[in-house]
Amino acid sequence: MMKAENGLDETIQHKFMEMAEALRLEDLNVRLEGTPGTVQRGDLLELRAQGRYPIRSMRPLGRELSLSIDLRMYGLAHRYIRGD
């Protein structure tokens, strides 16, 4: 969606959070950052999602562990924006 819209906006961010909720990933406390719209066709876009994944298998032993997750994706903007 970011490629088609030439950047990250609140609508795309909201849809990402809805998808994370549908997948029951709300425990990850996901933060989403990306290239703000609107960039020109062919410009580089970056999307970064960060969170912490709790490891529940250690809970019966009285230990709370979590792993840091840092995902980055890159792509190119698709739409050409014409000037006046």
N, C-alpha and C. Protein backbone atom coordinates (compact mmCIF):
# COMPACT_ATOMS: atom_id res chain seq x y z
N MET A 1 0.81 -1.19 0.00
CA MET A 1 0.00 0.00 0.00
C MET A 1 0.86 1.26 0.00
N MET A 2 1.98 1.21 0.72
CA MET A 2 2.86 2.38 0.75
C MET A 2 3.40 2.69 -0.63
N LYS A 3 3.72 1.67 -1.42
CA LYS A 3 4.23 1.89 -2.76
C LYS A 3 3.18 2.57 -3.64
N ALA A 4 1.94 2.14 -3.53
CA ALA A 4 0.87 2.70 -4.35
C ALA A 4 0.53 4.13 -3.94
N GLU A 5 0.66 4.43 -2.65
CA GLU A 5 0.30 5.76 -2.14
C GLU A 5 1.51 6.69 -2.02
N ASN A 6 2.68 6.21 -2.39
CA ASN A 6 3.93 7.00 -2.36
C ASN A 6 4.31 7.47 -0.97
N GLY A 7 4.08 6.66 0.04
CA GLY A 7 4.51 7.00 1.39
C GLY A 7 3.53 6.50 2.44
N LEU A 8 3.92 6.61 3.69
CA LEU A 8 3.12 6.17 4.82
C LEU A 8 2.24 7.31 5.29
N ASP A 9 0.96 7.04 5.43
CA ASP A 9 0.05 8.04 5.99
C ASP A 9 -0.75 7.37 7.12
N GLU A 10 -1.62 8.15 7.76
CA GLU A 10 -2.37 7.63 8.90
C GLU A 10 -3.32 6.50 8.51
N THR A 11 -3.87 6.54 7.32
CA THR A 11 -4.79 5.49 6.87
C THR A 11 -4.07 4.16 6.76
N ILE A 12 -2.90 4.16 6.16
CA ILE A 12 -2.12 2.93 6.02
C ILE A 12 -1.67 2.43 7.39
N GLN A 13 -1.26 3.34 8.25
CA GLN A 13 -0.83 2.97 9.59
C GLN A 13 -1.99 2.36 10.37
N HIS A 14 -3.18 2.92 10.24
CA HIS A 14 -4.36 2.39 10.92
C HIS A 14 -4.69 0.99 10.41
N LYS A 15 -4.60 0.77 9.10
CA LYS A 15 -4.87 -0.55 8.53
C LYS A 15 -3.85 -1.58 9.01
N PHE A 16 -2.59 -1.16 9.15
CA PHE A 16 -1.55 -2.06 9.66
C PHE A 16 -1.88 -2.48 11.09
N MET A 17 -2.29 -1.52 11.90
CA MET A 17 -2.61 -1.82 13.30
C MET A 17 -3.85 -2.72 13.39
N GLU A 18 -4.82 -2.52 12.51
CA GLU A 18 -6.00 -3.41 12.48
C GLU A 18 -5.59 -4.84 12.12
N MET A 19 -4.67 -4.97 11.15
CA MET A 19 -4.20 -6.28 10.76
C MET A 19 -3.43 -6.94 11.91
N ALA A 20 -2.60 -6.18 12.61
CA ALA A 20 -1.86 -6.72 13.75
C ALA A 20 -2.82 -7.18 14.84
N GLU A 21 -3.88 -6.43 15.05
CA GLU A 21 -4.89 -6.81 16.05
C GLU A 21 -5.63 -8.07 15.62
N ALA A 22 -5.96 -8.18 14.32
CA ALA A 22 -6.64 -9.37 13.82
C ALA A 22 -5.76 -10.62 13.96
N LEU A 23 -4.45 -10.44 13.87
CA LEU A 23 -3.51 -11.55 14.04
C LEU A 23 -3.13 -11.76 15.50
N ARG A 24 -3.75 -10.99 16.37
CA ARG A 24 -3.54 -11.05 17.83
C ARG A 24 -2.08 -10.76 18.21
N LEU A 25 -1.54 -9.72 17.62
CA LEU A 25 -0.16 -9.31 17.89
C LEU A 25 -0.09 -8.07 18.78
N GLU A 26 -1.19 -7.74 19.46
CA GLU A 26 -1.19 -6.52 20.27
C GLU A 26 -0.20 -6.57 21.44
N ASP A 27 0.21 -7.78 21.87
CA ASP A 27 1.20 -7.90 22.94
C ASP A 27 2.59 -7.42 22.53
N LEU A 28 2.81 -7.28 21.23
CA LEU A 28 4.12 -6.87 20.73
C LEU A 28 4.39 -5.38 20.91
N ASN A 29 3.35 -4.58 21.16
CA ASN A 29 3.51 -3.12 21.24
C ASN A 29 4.26 -2.60 20.02
N VAL A 30 3.70 -2.84 18.86
CA VAL A 30 4.35 -2.52 17.59
C VAL A 30 4.37 -1.01 17.37
N ARG A 31 5.54 -0.51 16.98
CA ARG A 31 5.70 0.88 16.53
C ARG A 31 6.01 0.84 15.05
N LEU A 32 5.33 1.67 14.31
CA LEU A 32 5.50 1.68 12.87
C LEU A 32 6.02 3.04 12.44
N GLU A 33 7.09 3.03 11.65
CA GLU A 33 7.68 4.26 11.10
C GLU A 33 7.89 4.04 9.61
N GLY A 34 7.75 5.09 8.85
CA GLY A 34 7.97 4.95 7.42
C GLY A 34 8.20 6.28 6.75
N THR A 35 8.55 6.20 5.49
CA THR A 35 8.75 7.40 4.69
C THR A 35 7.42 8.14 4.59
N PRO A 36 7.38 9.38 5.04
CA PRO A 36 6.11 10.11 4.97
C PRO A 36 5.76 10.42 3.52
N GLY A 37 4.45 10.39 3.22
CA GLY A 37 4.02 10.74 1.86
C GLY A 37 4.08 12.22 1.68
N THR A 38 4.21 12.69 0.57
CA THR A 38 4.17 11.99 -0.68
C THR A 38 5.50 12.22 -1.39
N VAL A 39 6.08 11.13 -1.88
CA VAL A 39 7.33 11.21 -2.61
C VAL A 39 7.07 10.93 -4.09
N GLN A 40 8.02 11.21 -4.92
CA GLN A 40 7.86 11.06 -6.37
C GLN A 40 8.10 9.60 -6.78
N ARG A 41 7.52 9.21 -7.90
CA ARG A 41 7.70 7.87 -8.44
C ARG A 41 9.18 7.53 -8.57
N GLY A 42 9.54 6.33 -8.13
CA GLY A 42 10.91 5.87 -8.21
C GLY A 42 11.75 6.20 -6.99
N ASP A 43 11.24 7.06 -6.10
CA ASP A 43 11.97 7.37 -4.86
C ASP A 43 11.89 6.19 -3.90
N LEU A 44 12.91 6.07 -3.07
CA LEU A 44 13.00 4.98 -2.11
C LEU A 44 12.02 5.19 -0.96
N LEU A 45 11.30 4.12 -0.61
CA LEU A 45 10.41 4.11 0.55
C LEU A 45 10.97 3.13 1.57
N GLU A 46 10.86 3.48 2.84
CA GLU A 46 11.32 2.59 3.91
C GLU A 46 10.19 2.43 4.92
N LEU A 47 9.96 1.20 5.34
CA LEU A 47 8.98 0.90 6.38
C LEU A 47 9.70 0.16 7.48
N ARG A 48 9.53 0.61 8.71
CA ARG A 48 10.21 -0.02 9.84
C ARG A 48 9.16 -0.33 10.92
N ALA A 49 9.13 -1.58 11.35
CA ALA A 49 8.24 -2.01 12.43
C ALA A 49 9.11 -2.54 13.56
N GLN A 50 8.82 -2.06 14.76
CA GLN A 50 9.59 -2.48 15.93
C GLN A 50 8.63 -2.94 17.01
N GLY A 51 9.08 -3.88 17.81
CA GLY A 51 8.28 -4.35 18.93
C GLY A 51 9.08 -5.31 19.78
N ARG A 52 8.44 -5.80 20.83
CA ARG A 52 9.06 -6.79 21.71
C ARG A 52 8.14 -7.99 21.77
N TYR A 53 8.69 -9.17 21.52
CA TYR A 53 7.92 -10.41 21.52
C TYR A 53 8.13 -11.14 22.85
N PRO A 54 7.05 -11.29 23.65
CA PRO A 54 7.20 -12.00 24.93
C PRO A 54 7.30 -13.50 24.70
N ILE A 55 8.24 -14.14 25.39
CA ILE A 55 8.40 -15.60 25.31
C ILE A 55 7.66 -16.19 26.49
N ARG A 56 6.53 -16.79 26.20
CA ARG A 56 5.64 -17.28 27.26
C ARG A 56 6.06 -18.64 27.82
N SER A 57 6.91 -19.36 27.11
CA SER A 57 7.28 -20.71 27.56
C SER A 57 8.09 -20.69 28.86
N MET A 58 8.68 -19.56 29.20
CA MET A 58 9.48 -19.47 30.42
C MET A 58 8.64 -19.03 31.62
N ARG A 59 7.40 -18.62 31.39
CA ARG A 59 6.55 -18.11 32.47
C ARG A 59 6.33 -19.13 33.59
N PRO A 60 6.11 -20.43 33.31
CA PRO A 60 5.94 -21.40 34.40
C PRO A 60 7.18 -21.51 35.31
N LEU A 61 8.32 -21.14 34.80
CA LEU A 61 9.55 -21.20 35.59
C LEU A 61 9.81 -19.89 36.33
N GLY A 62 8.86 -18.97 36.24
CA GLY A 62 9.01 -17.70 36.94
C GLY A 62 9.89 -16.70 36.22
N ARG A 63 10.09 -16.88 34.94
CA ARG A 63 10.95 -15.97 34.18
C ARG A 63 10.15 -15.30 33.09
N GLU A 64 10.39 -14.03 32.89
CA GLU A 64 9.77 -13.27 31.81
C GLU A 64 10.87 -12.85 30.84
N LEU A 65 10.81 -13.35 29.65
CA LEU A 65 11.78 -13.00 28.63
C LEU A 65 11.05 -12.38 27.44
N SER A 66 11.73 -11.50 26.75
CA SER A 66 11.17 -10.95 25.51
C SER A 66 12.31 -10.66 24.55
N LEU A 67 11.99 -10.79 23.29
CA LEU A 67 12.96 -10.52 22.23
C LEU A 67 12.59 -9.24 21.51
N SER A 68 13.59 -8.47 21.17
CA SER A 68 13.38 -7.26 20.39
C SER A 68 13.27 -7.64 18.92
N ILE A 69 12.24 -7.11 18.25
CA ILE A 69 12.03 -7.38 16.83
C ILE A 69 12.14 -6.05 16.09
N ASP A 70 12.96 -6.04 15.06
CA ASP A 70 13.16 -4.84 14.25
C ASP A 70 13.13 -5.25 12.78
N LEU A 71 12.03 -4.93 12.09
CA LEU A 71 11.86 -5.30 10.69
C LEU A 71 11.95 -4.06 9.82
N ARG A 72 12.65 -4.17 8.70
CA ARG A 72 12.75 -3.07 7.74
C ARG A 72 12.46 -3.61 6.35
N MET A 73 11.68 -2.85 5.61
CA MET A 73 11.38 -3.19 4.23
C MET A 73 11.61 -1.96 3.37
N TYR A 74 12.07 -2.19 2.16
CA TYR A 74 12.35 -1.10 1.24
C TYR A 74 11.61 -1.34 -0.06
N GLY A 75 11.27 -0.27 -0.75
CA GLY A 75 10.61 -0.38 -2.05
C GLY A 75 10.69 0.96 -2.75
N LEU A 76 10.11 1.01 -3.94
CA LEU A 76 10.09 2.25 -4.72
C LEU A 76 8.66 2.71 -4.88
N ALA A 77 8.47 4.03 -4.83
CA ALA A 77 7.15 4.62 -5.03
C ALA A 77 6.69 4.35 -6.45
N HIS A 78 5.40 4.08 -6.63
CA HIS A 78 4.87 3.70 -7.93
C HIS A 78 4.26 4.85 -8.73
N ARG A 79 3.63 5.79 -8.05
CA ARG A 79 2.84 6.80 -8.75
C ARG A 79 3.65 8.03 -9.09
N TYR A 80 3.47 8.52 -10.32
CA TYR A 80 4.12 9.76 -10.75
C TYR A 80 3.21 10.92 -10.36
N ILE A 81 3.77 11.92 -9.69
CA ILE A 81 3.00 13.07 -9.26
C ILE A 81 3.34 14.24 -10.18
N ARG A 82 2.36 14.71 -10.87
CA ARG A 82 2.57 15.79 -11.83
C ARG A 82 2.51 17.14 -11.12
N GLY A 83 3.34 18.06 -11.56
CA GLY A 83 3.34 19.43 -11.04
C GLY A 83 2.30 20.25 -11.77
N ASP A 84 2.09 21.48 -11.32
CA ASP A 84 1.10 22.36 -11.96
C ASP A 84 1.57 22.85 -13.31
